Amino acid sequence: MKASLLLTLVCTAVLVAGARADAPGEPETLVRKVQEYAQKATAMAKTALSMVQESDAAQQARQWLADNADLAKQRLVWLKEQLLEFWKPMPAA
């Protein structure tokens, strides 16, 4: 979950907790409610993140990256060889 969304949830929790506080002279009630909302938002974010990480698309993407890592390494080696060949000094004619 994006940090901006989490920040929005926390700000909303602060506003809601302030509106629901029984009296303005009870800051500990407000703090407790904000902490509860923040804990709930954090739990929801963790749940959403784990669902995304466990999704089929994420697993397929990880597998694709693992399968194609060797191919990418081979291409880099070939490119390095080509560049080294390009930079070799030419023999004098």
PDB file of N, CA and C in Angstrom:
ATOM      1  N   MET A   1       0.852  -1.155   0.000  1.00  0.00           N
ATOM      2  CA  MET A   1       0.000   0.000   0.000  1.00  0.00           C
ATOM      3  C   MET A   1       0.908   1.232   0.000  1.00  0.00           C
ATOM      4  N   LYS A   2       0.533   2.217  -0.709  1.00  0.00           N
ATOM      5  CA  LYS A   2       1.379   3.391  -0.826  1.00  0.00           C
ATOM      6  C   LYS A   2       1.382   4.174   0.480  1.00  0.00           C
ATOM      7  N   ALA A   3       2.496   4.835   0.723  1.00  0.00           N
ATOM      8  CA  ALA A   3       2.640   5.625   1.940  1.00  0.00           C
ATOM      9  C   ALA A   3       1.634   6.769   1.973  1.00  0.00           C
ATOM     10  N   SER A   4       1.328   7.346   0.825  1.00  0.00           N
ATOM     11  CA  SER A   4       0.374   8.456   0.793  1.00  0.00           C
ATOM     12  C   SER A   4      -1.013   7.993   1.223  1.00  0.00           C
ATOM     13  N   LEU A   5      -1.385   6.778   0.852  1.00  0.00           N
ATOM     14  CA  LEU A   5      -2.686   6.249   1.256  1.00  0.00           C
ATOM     15  C   LEU A   5      -2.714   6.011   2.760  1.00  0.00           C
ATOM     16  N   LEU A   6      -1.620   5.481   3.303  1.00  0.00           N
ATOM     17  CA  LEU A   6      -1.537   5.251   4.734  1.00  0.00           C
ATOM     18  C   LEU A   6      -1.592   6.568   5.493  1.00  0.00           C
ATOM     19  N   LEU A   7      -0.905   7.578   4.987  1.00  0.00           N
ATOM     20  CA  LEU A   7      -0.939   8.898   5.612  1.00  0.00           C
ATOM     21  C   LEU A   7      -2.351   9.471   5.575  1.00  0.00           C
ATOM     22  N   THR A   8      -3.046   9.285   4.476  1.00  0.00           N
ATOM     23  CA  THR A   8      -4.429   9.755   4.357  1.00  0.00           C
ATOM     24  C   THR A   8      -5.322   9.059   5.377  1.00  0.00           C
ATOM     25  N   LEU A   9      -5.129   7.761   5.552  1.00  0.00           N
ATOM     26  CA  LEU A   9      -5.914   7.025   6.536  1.00  0.00           C
ATOM     27  C   LEU A   9      -5.654   7.530   7.951  1.00  0.00           C
ATOM     28  N   VAL A  10      -4.402   7.791   8.264  1.00  0.00           N
ATOM     29  CA  VAL A  10      -4.062   8.289   9.595  1.00  0.00           C
ATOM     30  C   VAL A  10      -4.664   9.668   9.821  1.00  0.00           C
ATOM     31  N   CYS A  11      -4.562  10.547   8.837  1.00  0.00           N
ATOM     32  CA  CYS A  11      -5.149  11.888   8.969  1.00  0.00           C
ATOM     33  C   CYS A  11      -6.665  11.809   9.143  1.00  0.00           C
ATOM     34  N   THR A  12      -7.286  10.939   8.386  1.00  0.00           N
ATOM     35  CA  THR A  12      -8.731  10.750   8.531  1.00  0.00           C
ATOM     36  C   THR A  12      -9.064  10.233   9.921  1.00  0.00           C
ATOM     37  N   ALA A  13      -8.243   9.320  10.416  1.00  0.00           N
ATOM     38  CA  ALA A  13      -8.469   8.789  11.761  1.00  0.00           C
ATOM     39  C   ALA A  13      -8.368   9.888  12.808  1.00  0.00           C
ATOM     40  N   VAL A  14      -7.416  10.779  12.650  1.00  0.00           N
ATOM     41  CA  VAL A  14      -7.269  11.884  13.595  1.00  0.00           C
ATOM     42  C   VAL A  14      -8.512  12.776  13.552  1.00  0.00           C
ATOM     43  N   LEU A  15      -8.981  13.090  12.368  1.00  0.00           N
ATOM     44  CA  LEU A  15     -10.166  13.937  12.251  1.00  0.00           C
ATOM     45  C   LEU A  15     -11.406  13.265  12.836  1.00  0.00           C
ATOM     46  N   VAL A  16     -11.581  11.994  12.543  1.00  0.00           N
ATOM     47  CA  VAL A  16     -12.737  11.270  13.062  1.00  0.00           C
ATOM     48  C   VAL A  16     -12.656  11.146  14.577  1.00  0.00           C
ATOM     49  N   ALA A  17     -11.477  10.848  15.079  1.00  0.00           N
ATOM     50  CA  ALA A  17     -11.317  10.718  16.525  1.00  0.00           C
ATOM     51  C   ALA A  17     -11.597  12.048  17.216  1.00  0.00           C
ATOM     52  N   GLY A  18     -11.171  13.128  16.600  1.00  0.00           N
ATOM     53  CA  GLY A  18     -11.448  14.447  17.174  1.00  0.00           C
ATOM     54  C   GLY A  18     -12.930  14.749  17.182  1.00  0.00           C
ATOM     55  N   ALA A  19     -13.615  14.356  16.138  1.00  0.00           N
ATOM     56  CA  ALA A  19     -15.047  14.607  16.057  1.00  0.00           C
ATOM     57  C   ALA A  19     -15.826  13.741  17.032  1.00  0.00           C
ATOM     58  N   ARG A  20     -15.304  12.545  17.310  1.00  0.00           N
ATOM     59  CA  ARG A  20     -16.014  11.611  18.176  1.00  0.00           C
ATOM     60  C   ARG A  20     -15.641  11.745  19.642  1.00  0.00           C
ATOM     61  N   ALA A  21     -14.619  12.542  19.942  1.00  0.00           N
ATOM     62  CA  ALA A  21     -14.212  12.715  21.339  1.00  0.00           C
ATOM     63  C   ALA A  21     -15.368  13.339  22.111  1.00  0.00           C
ATOM     64  N   ASP A  22     -15.601  12.837  23.314  1.00  0.00           N
ATOM     65  CA  ASP A  22     -16.735  13.310  24.119  1.00  0.00           C
ATOM     66  C   ASP A  22     -16.577  14.767  24.528  1.00  0.00           C
ATOM     67  N   ALA A  23     -15.386  15.132  24.952  1.00  0.00           N
ATOM     68  CA  ALA A  23     -15.159  16.511  25.379  1.00  0.00           C
ATOM     69  C   ALA A  23     -13.783  16.936  24.904  1.00  0.00           C
ATOM     70  N   PRO A  24     -13.620  18.240  24.595  1.00  0.00           N
ATOM     71  CA  PRO A  24     -12.320  18.685  24.131  1.00  0.00           C
ATOM     72  C   PRO A  24     -11.243  18.604  25.214  1.00  0.00           C
ATOM     73  N   GLY A  25     -11.614  18.462  26.457  1.00  0.00           N
ATOM     74  CA  GLY A  25     -10.637  18.389  27.541  1.00  0.00           C
ATOM     75  C   GLY A  25     -10.132  16.989  27.801  1.00  0.00           C
ATOM     76  N   GLU A  26     -10.417  16.048  26.928  1.00  0.00           N
ATOM     77  CA  GLU A  26      -9.985  14.661  27.117  1.00  0.00           C
ATOM     78  C   GLU A  26      -8.969  14.258  26.042  1.00  0.00           C
ATOM     79  N   PRO A  27      -7.741  14.752  26.139  1.00  0.00           N
ATOM     80  CA  PRO A  27      -6.751  14.416  25.096  1.00  0.00           C
ATOM     81  C   PRO A  27      -6.333  12.953  25.113  1.00  0.00           C
ATOM     82  N   GLU A  28      -6.373  12.295  26.289  1.00  0.00           N
ATOM     83  CA  GLU A  28      -5.971  10.887  26.322  1.00  0.00           C
ATOM     84  C   GLU A  28      -6.959  10.013  25.566  1.00  0.00           C
ATOM     85  N   THR A  29      -8.228  10.379  25.569  1.00  0.00           N
ATOM     86  CA  THR A  29      -9.225   9.647  24.791  1.00  0.00           C
ATOM     87  C   THR A  29      -8.947   9.808  23.304  1.00  0.00           C
ATOM     88  N   LEU A  30      -8.628  11.022  22.913  1.00  0.00           N
ATOM     89  CA  LEU A  30      -8.309  11.292  21.516  1.00  0.00           C
ATOM     90  C   LEU A  30      -7.068  10.524  21.088  1.00  0.00           C
ATOM     91  N   VAL A  31      -6.047  10.531  21.943  1.00  0.00           N
ATOM     92  CA  VAL A  31      -4.806   9.815  21.616  1.00  0.00           C
ATOM     93  C   VAL A  31      -5.079   8.322  21.493  1.00  0.00           C
ATOM     94  N   ARG A  32      -5.865   7.773  22.412  1.00  0.00           N
ATOM     95  CA  ARG A  32      -6.167   6.339  22.373  1.00  0.00           C
ATOM     96  C   ARG A  32      -6.925   5.977  21.100  1.00  0.00           C
ATOM     97  N   LYS A  33      -7.880   6.816  20.720  1.00  0.00           N
ATOM     98  CA  LYS A  33      -8.648   6.537  19.505  1.00  0.00           C
ATOM     99  C   LYS A  33      -7.780   6.637  18.260  1.00  0.00           C
ATOM    100  N   VAL A  34      -6.888   7.614  18.223  1.00  0.00           N
ATOM    101  CA  VAL A  34      -5.980   7.744  17.079  1.00  0.00           C
ATOM    102  C   VAL A  34      -5.068   6.532  17.001  1.00  0.00           C
ATOM    103  N   GLN A  35      -4.575   6.074  18.137  1.00  0.00           N
ATOM    104  CA  GLN A  35      -3.716   4.891  18.141  1.00  0.00           C
ATOM    105  C   GLN A  35      -4.475   3.661  17.638  1.00  0.00           C
ATOM    106  N   GLU A  36      -5.732   3.527  18.048  1.00  0.00           N
ATOM    107  CA  GLU A  36      -6.531   2.394  17.588  1.00  0.00           C
ATOM    108  C   GLU A  36      -6.738   2.443  16.078  1.00  0.00           C
ATOM    109  N   TYR A  37      -7.066   3.629  15.572  1.00  0.00           N
ATOM    110  CA  TYR A  37      -7.258   3.777  14.123  1.00  0.00           C
ATOM    111  C   TYR A  37      -5.960   3.514  13.362  1.00  0.00           C
ATOM    112  N   ALA A  38      -4.844   3.994  13.906  1.00  0.00           N
ATOM    113  CA  ALA A  38      -3.553   3.776  13.248  1.00  0.00           C
ATOM    114  C   ALA A  38      -3.207   2.287  13.217  1.00  0.00           C
ATOM    115  N   GLN A  39      -3.496   1.583  14.320  1.00  0.00           N
ATOM    116  CA  GLN A  39      -3.243   0.138  14.353  1.00  0.00           C
ATOM    117  C   GLN A  39      -4.106  -0.601  13.340  1.00  0.00           C
ATOM    118  N   LYS A  40      -5.369  -0.196  13.231  1.00  0.00           N
ATOM    119  CA  LYS A  40      -6.252  -0.827  12.257  1.00  0.00           C
ATOM    120  C   LYS A  40      -5.777  -0.551  10.831  1.00  0.00           C
ATOM    121  N   ALA A  41      -5.352   0.694  10.571  1.00  0.00           N
ATOM    122  CA  ALA A  41      -4.869   1.043   9.232  1.00  0.00           C
ATOM    123  C   ALA A  41      -3.604   0.270   8.900  1.00  0.00           C
ATOM    124  N   THR A  42      -2.715   0.117   9.877  1.00  0.00           N
ATOM    125  CA  THR A  42      -1.483  -0.644   9.661  1.00  0.00           C
ATOM    126  C   THR A  42      -1.795  -2.108   9.374  1.00  0.00           C
ATOM    127  N   ALA A  43      -2.724  -2.669  10.121  1.00  0.00           N
ATOM    128  CA  ALA A  43      -3.109  -4.069   9.893  1.00  0.00           C
ATOM    129  C   ALA A  43      -3.709  -4.251   8.508  1.00  0.00           C
ATOM    130  N   MET A  44      -4.539  -3.301   8.094  1.00  0.00           N
ATOM    131  CA  MET A  44      -5.130  -3.390   6.758  1.00  0.00           C
ATOM    132  C   MET A  44      -4.055  -3.288   5.679  1.00  0.00           C
ATOM    133  N   ALA A  45      -3.087  -2.398   5.883  1.00  0.00           N
ATOM    134  CA  ALA A  45      -2.011  -2.238   4.902  1.00  0.00           C
ATOM    135  C   ALA A  45      -1.175  -3.507   4.809  1.00  0.00           C
ATOM    136  N   LYS A  46      -0.869  -4.116   5.949  1.00  0.00           N
ATOM    137  CA  LYS A  46      -0.091  -5.357   5.948  1.00  0.00           C
ATOM    138  C   LYS A  46      -0.848  -6.478   5.247  1.00  0.00           C
ATOM    139  N   THR A  47      -2.138  -6.559   5.506  1.00  0.00           N
ATOM    140  CA  THR A  47      -2.963  -7.582   4.870  1.00  0.00           C
ATOM    141  C   THR A  47      -2.987  -7.395   3.358  1.00  0.00           C
ATOM    142  N   ALA A  48      -3.179  -6.148   2.930  1.00  0.00           N
ATOM    143  CA  ALA A  48      -3.219  -5.870   1.491  1.00  0.00           C
ATOM    144  C   ALA A  48      -1.878  -6.191   0.842  1.00  0.00           C
ATOM    145  N   LEU A  49      -0.784  -5.837   1.509  1.00  0.00           N
ATOM    146  CA  LEU A  49       0.545  -6.114   0.953  1.00  0.00           C
ATOM    147  C   LEU A  49       0.800  -7.608   0.850  1.00  0.00           C
ATOM    148  N   SER A  50       0.419  -8.358   1.864  1.00  0.00           N
ATOM    149  CA  SER A  50       0.638  -9.809   1.801  1.00  0.00           C
ATOM    150  C   SER A  50      -0.225 -10.444   0.720  1.00  0.00           C
ATOM    151  N   MET A  51      -1.426  -9.923   0.514  1.00  0.00           N
ATOM    152  CA  MET A  51      -2.282 -10.453  -0.553  1.00  0.00           C
ATOM    153  C   MET A  51      -1.656 -10.202  -1.917  1.00  0.00           C
ATOM    154  N   VAL A  52      -1.066  -9.021  -2.098  1.00  0.00           N
ATOM    155  CA  VAL A  52      -0.423  -8.707  -3.371  1.00  0.00           C
ATOM    156  C   VAL A  52       0.793  -9.592  -3.579  1.00  0.00           C
ATOM    157  N   GLN A  53       1.589  -9.782  -2.517  1.00  0.00           N
ATOM    158  CA  GLN A  53       2.797 -10.597  -2.641  1.00  0.00           C
ATOM    159  C   GLN A  53       2.462 -12.049  -2.926  1.00  0.00           C
ATOM    160  N   GLU A  54       1.344 -12.532  -2.430  1.00  0.00           N
ATOM    161  CA  GLU A  54       0.961 -13.921  -2.635  1.00  0.00           C
ATOM    162  C   GLU A  54       0.143 -14.141  -3.897  1.00  0.00           C
ATOM    163  N   SER A  55      -0.168 -13.096  -4.614  1.00  0.00           N
ATOM    164  CA  SER A  55      -1.017 -13.228  -5.787  1.00  0.00           C
ATOM    165  C   SER A  55      -0.316 -14.021  -6.888  1.00  0.00           C
ATOM    166  N   ASP A  56      -1.118 -14.568  -7.769  1.00  0.00           N
ATOM    167  CA  ASP A  56      -0.573 -15.344  -8.886  1.00  0.00           C
ATOM    168  C   ASP A  56       0.297 -14.477  -9.788  1.00  0.00           C
ATOM    169  N   ALA A  57      -0.122 -13.247 -10.009  1.00  0.00           N
ATOM    170  CA  ALA A  57       0.650 -12.356 -10.881  1.00  0.00           C
ATOM    171  C   ALA A  57       2.027 -12.084 -10.294  1.00  0.00           C
ATOM    172  N   ALA A  58       2.098 -11.865  -8.999  1.00  0.00           N
ATOM    173  CA  ALA A  58       3.388 -11.605  -8.363  1.00  0.00           C
ATOM    174  C   ALA A  58       4.282 -12.844  -8.431  1.00  0.00           C
ATOM    175  N   GLN A  59       3.702 -14.002  -8.215  1.00  0.00           N
ATOM    176  CA  GLN A  59       4.485 -15.234  -8.300  1.00  0.00           C
ATOM    177  C   GLN A  59       4.981 -15.471  -9.721  1.00  0.00           C
ATOM    178  N   GLN A  60       4.140 -15.198 -10.707  1.00  0.00           N
ATOM    179  CA  GLN A  60       4.553 -15.360 -12.095  1.00  0.00           C
ATOM    180  C   GLN A  60       5.660 -14.373 -12.449  1.00  0.00           C
ATOM    181  N   ALA A  61       5.561 -13.153 -11.947  1.00  0.00           N
ATOM    182  CA  ALA A  61       6.586 -12.145 -12.225  1.00  0.00           C
ATOM    183  C   ALA A  61       7.916 -12.560 -11.611  1.00  0.00           C
ATOM    184  N   ARG A  62       7.888 -13.058 -10.380  1.00  0.00           N
ATOM    185  CA  ARG A  62       9.133 -13.519  -9.750  1.00  0.00           C
ATOM    186  C   ARG A  62       9.746 -14.684 -10.526  1.00  0.00           C
ATOM    187  N   GLN A  63       8.903 -15.594 -10.983  1.00  0.00           N
ATOM    188  CA  GLN A  63       9.400 -16.745 -11.745  1.00  0.00           C
ATOM    189  C   GLN A  63       9.991 -16.291 -13.073  1.00  0.00           C
ATOM    190  N   TRP A  64       9.338 -15.354 -13.736  1.00  0.00           N
ATOM    191  CA  TRP A  64       9.833 -14.839 -15.005  1.00  0.00           C
ATOM    192  C   TRP A  64      11.186 -14.168 -14.818  1.00  0.00           C
ATOM    193  N   LEU A  65      11.316 -13.373 -13.755  1.00  0.00           N
ATOM    194  CA  LEU A  65      12.598 -12.721 -13.490  1.00  0.00           C
ATOM    195  C   LEU A  65      13.686 -13.744 -13.216  1.00  0.00           C
ATOM    196  N   ALA A  66      13.362 -14.770 -12.454  1.00  0.00           N
ATOM    197  CA  ALA A  66      14.347 -15.807 -12.158  1.00  0.00           C
ATOM    198  C   ALA A  66      14.758 -16.546 -13.424  1.00  0.00           C
ATOM    199  N   ASP A  67      13.789 -16.847 -14.278  1.00  0.00           N
ATOM    200  CA  ASP A  67      14.085 -17.572 -15.515  1.00  0.00           C
ATOM    201  C   ASP A  67      14.912 -16.745 -16.488  1.00  0.00           C
ATOM    202  N   ASN A  68      14.670 -15.460 -16.519  1.00  0.00           N
ATOM    203  CA  ASN A  68      15.340 -14.610 -17.506  1.00  0.00           C
ATOM    204  C   ASN A  68      16.602 -13.931 -16.988  1.00  0.00           C
ATOM    205  N   ALA A  69      16.964 -14.173 -15.752  1.00  0.00           N
ATOM    206  CA  ALA A  69      18.173 -13.566 -15.204  1.00  0.00           C
ATOM    207  C   ALA A  69      19.409 -14.073 -15.952  1.00  0.00           C
ATOM    208  N   ASP A  70      19.453 -15.364 -16.248  1.00  0.00           N
ATOM    209  CA  ASP A  70      20.601 -15.925 -16.964  1.00  0.00           C
ATOM    210  C   ASP A  70      20.712 -15.354 -18.372  1.00  0.00           C
ATOM    211  N   LEU A  71      19.592 -15.195 -19.030  1.00  0.00           N
ATOM    212  CA  LEU A  71      19.598 -14.618 -20.367  1.00  0.00           C
ATOM    213  C   LEU A  71      20.129 -13.185 -20.332  1.00  0.00           C
ATOM    214  N   ALA A  72      19.715 -12.427 -19.344  1.00  0.00           N
ATOM    215  CA  ALA A  72      20.191 -11.051 -19.217  1.00  0.00           C
ATOM    216  C   ALA A  72      21.702 -11.023 -18.965  1.00  0.00           C
ATOM    217  N   LYS A  73      22.198 -11.941 -18.147  1.00  0.00           N
ATOM    218  CA  LYS A  73      23.639 -12.014 -17.887  1.00  0.00           C
ATOM    219  C   LYS A  73      24.398 -12.356 -19.165  1.00  0.00           C
ATOM    220  N   GLN A  74      23.865 -13.291 -19.952  1.00  0.00           N
ATOM    221  CA  GLN A  74      24.517 -13.662 -21.208  1.00  0.00           C
ATOM    222  C   GLN A  74      24.566 -12.476 -22.160  1.00  0.00           C
ATOM    223  N   ARG A  75      23.501 -11.715 -22.228  1.00  0.00           N
ATOM    224  CA  ARG A  75      23.470 -10.538 -23.119  1.00  0.00           C
ATOM    225  C   ARG A  75      24.483  -9.498 -22.664  1.00  0.00           C
ATOM    226  N   LEU A  76      24.633  -9.316 -21.367  1.00  0.00           N
ATOM    227  CA  LEU A  76      25.606  -8.348 -20.862  1.00  0.00           C
ATOM    228  C   LEU A  76      27.040  -8.789 -21.169  1.00  0.00           C
ATOM    229  N   VAL A  77      27.304 -10.075 -21.047  1.00  0.00           N
ATOM    230  CA  VAL A  77      28.633 -10.590 -21.378  1.00  0.00           C
ATOM    231  C   VAL A  77      28.919 -10.355 -22.860  1.00  0.00           C
ATOM    232  N   TRP A  78      27.953 -10.645 -23.709  1.00  0.00           N
ATOM    233  CA  TRP A  78      28.124 -10.427 -25.154  1.00  0.00           C
ATOM    234  C   TRP A  78      28.367  -8.958 -25.449  1.00  0.00           C
ATOM    235  N   LEU A  79      27.595  -8.070 -24.812  1.00  0.00           N
ATOM    236  CA  LEU A  79      27.771  -6.634 -25.019  1.00  0.00           C
ATOM    237  C   LEU A  79      29.151  -6.181 -24.571  1.00  0.00           C
ATOM    238  N   LYS A  80      29.612  -6.700 -23.442  1.00  0.00           N
ATOM    239  CA  LYS A  80      30.946  -6.349 -22.953  1.00  0.00           C
ATOM    240  C   LYS A  80      32.013  -6.795 -23.958  1.00  0.00           C
ATOM    241  N   GLU A  81      31.876  -8.000 -24.499  1.00  0.00           N
ATOM    242  CA  GLU A  81      32.832  -8.488 -25.494  1.00  0.00           C
ATOM    243  C   GLU A  81      32.840  -7.601 -26.737  1.00  0.00           C
ATOM    244  N   GLN A  82      31.645  -7.190 -27.167  1.00  0.00           N
ATOM    245  CA  GLN A  82      31.563  -6.324 -28.346  1.00  0.00           C
ATOM    246  C   GLN A  82      32.218  -4.976 -28.086  1.00  0.00           C
ATOM    247  N   LEU A  83      32.000  -4.431 -26.915  1.00  0.00           N
ATOM    248  CA  LEU A  83      32.604  -3.138 -26.590  1.00  0.00           C
ATOM    249  C   LEU A  83      34.117  -3.238 -26.472  1.00  0.00           C
ATOM    250  N   LEU A  84      34.597  -4.329 -25.887  1.00  0.00           N
ATOM    251  CA  LEU A  84      36.050  -4.517 -25.791  1.00  0.00           C
ATOM    252  C   LEU A  84      36.668  -4.662 -27.178  1.00  0.00           C
ATOM    253  N   GLU A  85      35.989  -5.357 -28.053  1.00  0.00           N
ATOM    254  CA  GLU A  85      36.467  -5.517 -29.432  1.00  0.00           C
ATOM    255  C   GLU A  85      36.498  -4.156 -30.154  1.00  0.00           C
ATOM    256  N   PHE A  86      35.504  -3.353 -29.892  1.00  0.00           N
ATOM    257  CA  PHE A  86      35.405  -2.035 -30.501  1.00  0.00           C
ATOM    258  C   PHE A  86      36.546  -1.120 -30.061  1.00  0.00           C
ATOM    259  N   TRP A  87      36.951  -1.235 -28.812  1.00  0.00           N
ATOM    260  CA  TRP A  87      37.962  -0.334 -28.258  1.00  0.00           C
ATOM    261  C   TRP A  87      39.398  -0.841 -28.461  1.00  0.00           C
ATOM    262  N   LYS A  88      39.593  -2.009 -29.067  1.00  0.00           N
ATOM    263  CA  LYS A  88      40.945  -2.489 -29.331  1.00  0.00           C
ATOM    264  C   LYS A  88      41.635  -1.549 -30.301  1.00  0.00           C
ATOM    265  N   PRO A  89      42.925  -1.291 -30.061  1.00  0.00           N
ATOM    266  CA  PRO A  89      43.636  -0.425 -31.007  1.00  0.00           C
ATOM    267  C   PRO A  89      43.761  -1.088 -32.387  1.00  0.00           C
ATOM    268  N   MET A  90      43.593  -0.271 -33.389  1.00  0.00           N
ATOM    269  CA  MET A  90      43.700  -0.767 -34.762  1.00  0.00           C
ATOM    270  C   MET A  90      45.199  -0.866 -35.122  1.00  0.00           C
ATOM    271  N   PRO A  91      45.592  -1.909 -35.854  1.00  0.00           N
ATOM    272  CA  PRO A  91      46.990  -2.018 -36.268  1.00  0.00           C
ATOM    273  C   PRO A  91      47.338  -0.924 -37.300  1.00  0.00           C
ATOM    274  N   ALA A  92      48.559  -0.434 -37.212  1.00  0.00           N
ATOM    275  CA  ALA A  92      48.998   0.622 -38.145  1.00  0.00           C
ATOM    276  C   ALA A  92      49.145   0.031 -39.546  1.00  0.00           C
ATOM    277  N   ALA A  93      48.714   0.778 -40.524  1.00  0.00           N
ATOM    278  CA  ALA A  93      48.774   0.301 -41.897  1.00  0.00           C
ATOM    279  C   ALA A  93      50.055   0.645 -42.588  1.00  0.00           C
TER     280      ALA A  93
END
